[in-house]
Amino acid sequence: MSIELEKELSKSIEVIKNQGVIAYPTDTIWGLGCDATDEVAVKKIYEVKGRREDKSVIVLVSDDRMLLKYVKDVPEMAWELMDYSEKPLTIIYPEGKNLAKGVIAQDGTIAIRVVKDDFCQKLIQKLGKPLVSTSANKSGEPSPQSFRDINQSVLDAVDYVVNLRQNETGSASPSSIVQLGINGEVKIIRK
């Protein structure tokens, strides 16, 4: 692991453990993140975005084992979808657990992605907790395609901006989102 990566992981973990919010690169677009089990930190995310708290957020986990800690029941179909998905896939499960208020939707559902990005995986593993991941923009504004597209007011409002991949260009895209029903039904929310 590079010294730069180690430094960014350490600083991010320090901020997150102190109920802070970070702006960070993910396996999709730049996101705003915090400890998904910390109600105070989650509330800050909504404040930074200027978003209503009844609009839920995505949670990132590092691996299958961590997924099982935060979803009441992972249907067989979820494992198959994750195995065959060619791009990052967020799955909305019927019932979340062990997460902060404001992360689980009012109907009890939870949107979770098992992340493949190296920085995100290492960050979540070292933190030992899932991360909130919501696009690094004000509510209602377009999602940033790259770091340079993030509104300065958003960057000023977070506690730390991760100093990795800020010079990448190109257009990143959000994850696909699929909702799984209690009876095995699958609904595509975003391709």
Protein backbone atom coordinates (compact mmCIF):
# COMPACT_ATOMS: atom_id res chain seq x y z
CA MET A 1 0.00 0.00 0.00
CA SER A 2 1.38 3.41 -0.94
CA ILE A 3 2.21 5.98 1.73
CA GLU A 4 -0.28 8.38 0.15
CA LEU A 5 -3.10 5.82 0.32
CA GLU A 6 -2.23 4.93 3.91
CA LYS A 7 -2.25 8.62 4.88
CA GLU A 8 -5.65 9.22 3.24
CA LEU A 9 -7.13 6.14 4.92
CA SER A 10 -5.86 7.23 8.34
CA LYS A 11 -7.14 10.80 7.99
CA SER A 12 -10.54 9.62 6.67
CA ILE A 13 -10.96 7.15 9.53
CA GLU A 14 -10.02 9.81 12.10
CA VAL A 15 -12.69 12.17 10.68
CA ILE A 16 -15.36 9.46 10.42
CA LYS A 17 -14.76 8.22 13.98
CA ASN A 18 -15.34 11.81 15.15
CA GLN A 19 -18.78 11.91 13.50
CA GLY A 20 -17.42 13.76 10.47
CA VAL A 21 -18.38 13.76 6.81
CA ILE A 22 -15.88 13.15 4.01
CA ALA A 23 -15.97 13.76 0.26
CA TYR A 24 -14.39 10.73 -1.37
CA PRO A 25 -13.94 8.82 -4.64
CA THR A 26 -16.00 5.63 -4.93
CA ASP A 27 -16.40 2.87 -7.51
CA THR A 28 -18.93 5.16 -9.23
CA ILE A 29 -19.07 8.95 -8.71
CA TRP A 30 -17.59 11.13 -5.97
CA GLY A 31 -19.59 10.72 -2.79
CA LEU A 32 -20.25 12.16 0.61
CA GLY A 33 -19.67 9.61 3.33
CA CYS A 34 -19.87 8.97 7.04
CA ASP A 35 -20.36 6.10 9.48
CA ALA A 36 -23.72 4.61 8.47
CA THR A 37 -24.34 3.51 12.07
CA ASP A 38 -23.88 7.00 13.57
CA GLU A 39 -27.09 9.06 13.69
CA VAL A 40 -25.30 12.39 14.30
CA ALA A 41 -23.01 11.89 11.30
CA VAL A 42 -25.89 10.81 9.06
CA LYS A 43 -27.80 13.97 10.03
CA LYS A 44 -24.75 16.03 8.92
CA ILE A 45 -24.86 14.38 5.47
CA TYR A 46 -28.45 15.55 5.02
CA GLU A 47 -27.45 19.06 6.13
CA VAL A 48 -24.52 19.22 3.66
CA LYS A 49 -26.79 18.08 0.82
CA GLY A 50 -29.74 20.22 1.86
CA ARG A 51 -31.82 17.06 1.52
CA ARG A 52 -34.97 15.95 3.30
CA GLU A 53 -34.27 13.19 5.81
CA ASP A 54 -37.07 11.01 4.44
CA LYS A 55 -35.06 10.51 1.22
CA SER A 56 -32.80 7.55 2.02
CA VAL A 57 -29.14 7.10 1.08
CA ILE A 58 -26.97 4.25 -0.21
CA VAL A 59 -24.71 2.30 2.14
CA LEU A 60 -21.39 0.76 1.10
CA VAL A 61 -20.05 -2.43 2.66
CA SER A 62 -16.68 -4.05 2.03
CA ASP A 63 -17.76 -7.65 1.53
CA ASP A 64 -20.51 -10.27 1.76
CA ARG A 65 -19.90 -10.90 5.47
CA MET A 66 -20.46 -7.24 6.30
CA LEU A 67 -23.60 -7.19 4.12
CA LEU A 68 -25.14 -9.88 6.32
CA LYS A 69 -24.76 -7.66 9.43
CA TYR A 70 -26.97 -4.93 7.98
CA VAL A 71 -29.64 -6.78 5.99
CA LYS A 72 -32.21 -8.95 7.75
CA ASP A 73 -32.41 -11.46 4.90
CA VAL A 74 -30.28 -11.58 1.74
CA PRO A 75 -32.28 -13.46 -0.91
CA GLU A 76 -30.48 -15.92 -3.18
CA MET A 77 -31.37 -13.64 -6.11
CA ALA A 78 -29.16 -10.88 -4.61
CA TRP A 79 -26.06 -13.10 -4.70
CA GLU A 80 -26.77 -13.99 -8.34
CA LEU A 81 -27.30 -10.35 -9.33
CA MET A 82 -24.01 -9.34 -7.65
CA ASP A 83 -22.13 -12.20 -9.33
CA TYR A 84 -23.35 -11.34 -12.81
CA SER A 85 -23.48 -7.55 -12.71
CA GLU A 86 -20.86 -5.97 -14.96
CA LYS A 87 -21.06 -2.53 -13.35
CA PRO A 88 -21.44 -1.41 -9.72
CA LEU A 89 -24.81 -2.60 -8.44
CA THR A 90 -26.79 -1.23 -5.51
CA ILE A 91 -29.51 -3.54 -4.24
CA ILE A 92 -32.49 -2.33 -2.24
CA TYR A 93 -33.32 -5.03 0.30
CA PRO A 94 -36.73 -5.37 1.99
CA GLU A 95 -35.38 -4.90 5.51
CA GLY A 96 -32.24 -3.29 6.91
CA LYS A 97 -30.90 -3.55 10.45
CA ASN A 98 -28.19 -2.15 12.76
CA LEU A 99 -27.98 1.18 10.90
CA ALA A 100 -28.59 4.79 11.96
CA LYS A 101 -31.96 6.44 11.69
CA GLY A 102 -32.08 8.22 8.34
CA VAL A 103 -30.21 5.44 6.55
CA ILE A 104 -33.01 2.89 6.50
CA ALA A 105 -35.98 4.17 4.46
CA GLN A 106 -39.33 4.79 6.14
CA ASP A 107 -40.68 1.54 4.66
CA GLY A 108 -37.78 -0.40 6.25
CA THR A 109 -35.85 -0.96 3.01
CA ILE A 110 -32.13 -0.39 2.71
CA ALA A 111 -29.97 0.29 -0.38
CA ILE A 112 -26.57 -1.39 -0.10
CA ARG A 113 -23.66 -1.93 -2.48
CA VAL A 114 -20.75 -4.30 -1.92
CA VAL A 115 -18.01 -1.99 -3.15
CA LYS A 116 -15.15 -3.10 -5.41
CA ASP A 117 -13.10 0.13 -5.29
CA ASP A 118 -9.73 -0.42 -3.54
CA PHE A 119 -9.80 2.78 -1.46
CA CYS A 120 -13.42 2.25 -0.37
CA GLN A 121 -12.87 -1.40 0.52
CA LYS A 122 -9.79 -0.63 2.61
CA LEU A 123 -11.52 2.32 4.30
CA ILE A 124 -14.58 0.27 5.26
CA GLN A 125 -12.47 -2.71 6.38
CA LYS A 126 -10.21 -0.56 8.58
CA LEU A 127 -13.20 1.36 9.97
CA GLY A 128 -15.07 -1.90 10.58
CA LYS A 129 -18.38 -0.21 9.73
CA PRO A 130 -20.40 0.55 6.60
CA LEU A 131 -20.25 3.96 4.95
CA VAL A 132 -23.02 6.20 3.74
CA SER A 133 -22.51 7.01 0.08
CA THR A 134 -24.55 9.76 -1.51
CA SER A 135 -23.50 11.86 -4.49
CA ALA A 136 -21.30 14.86 -3.66
CA ASN A 137 -23.81 17.51 -4.68
CA LYS A 138 -26.60 19.65 -3.27
CA SER A 139 -30.00 17.98 -3.43
CA GLY A 140 -31.63 18.59 -6.81
CA GLU A 141 -28.36 19.41 -8.60
CA PRO A 142 -26.74 17.03 -11.12
CA SER A 143 -24.37 14.38 -9.75
CA PRO A 144 -20.72 15.29 -10.32
CA GLN A 145 -19.09 13.42 -13.22
CA SER A 146 -15.63 14.07 -11.74
CA PHE A 147 -14.05 15.84 -8.76
CA ARG A 148 -13.85 19.17 -10.60
CA ASP A 149 -17.68 19.13 -11.01
CA ILE A 150 -18.29 19.22 -7.24
CA ASN A 151 -19.73 22.54 -6.09
CA GLN A 152 -17.26 24.39 -3.84
CA SER A 153 -20.01 24.95 -1.25
CA VAL A 154 -20.27 21.16 -0.84
CA LEU A 155 -16.49 20.79 -0.42
CA ASP A 156 -16.48 23.64 2.12
CA ALA A 157 -19.25 21.96 4.14
CA VAL A 158 -17.55 18.58 4.67
CA ASP A 159 -14.97 17.81 7.35
CA TYR A 160 -12.41 16.27 4.97
CA VAL A 161 -11.84 15.93 1.22
CA VAL A 162 -9.91 12.79 0.30
CA ASN A 163 -6.81 13.72 -1.67
CA LEU A 164 -6.94 10.86 -4.19
CA ARG A 165 -8.10 10.70 -7.83
CA GLN A 166 -8.99 14.39 -7.90
CA ASN A 167 -7.40 14.84 -11.34
CA GLU A 168 -9.24 12.00 -13.05
CA THR A 169 -11.29 13.10 -16.01
CA GLY A 170 -14.02 11.35 -17.90
CA SER A 171 -17.58 10.87 -16.94
CA ALA A 172 -18.30 8.57 -14.05
CA SER A 173 -21.81 7.25 -13.64
CA PRO A 174 -23.88 6.21 -10.66
CA SER A 175 -24.50 2.54 -9.88
CA SER A 176 -27.35 0.50 -11.25
CA ILE A 177 -30.10 0.10 -8.65
CA VAL A 178 -32.33 -2.95 -8.32
CA GLN A 179 -35.04 -3.45 -5.70
CA LEU A 180 -35.78 -6.93 -4.38
CA GLY A 181 -39.21 -7.63 -2.98
CA ILE A 182 -40.11 -9.94 -0.09
CA ASN A 183 -41.56 -12.49 -2.53
CA GLY A 184 -38.54 -12.49 -4.84
CA GLU A 185 -39.75 -9.85 -7.30
CA VAL A 186 -37.06 -7.73 -8.95
CA LYS A 187 -37.64 -4.13 -9.97
CA ILE A 188 -35.04 -2.10 -11.89
CA ILE A 189 -34.86 1.39 -10.36
CA ARG A 190 -31.84 2.72 -12.34
CA LYS A 191 -30.01 0.97 -15.19
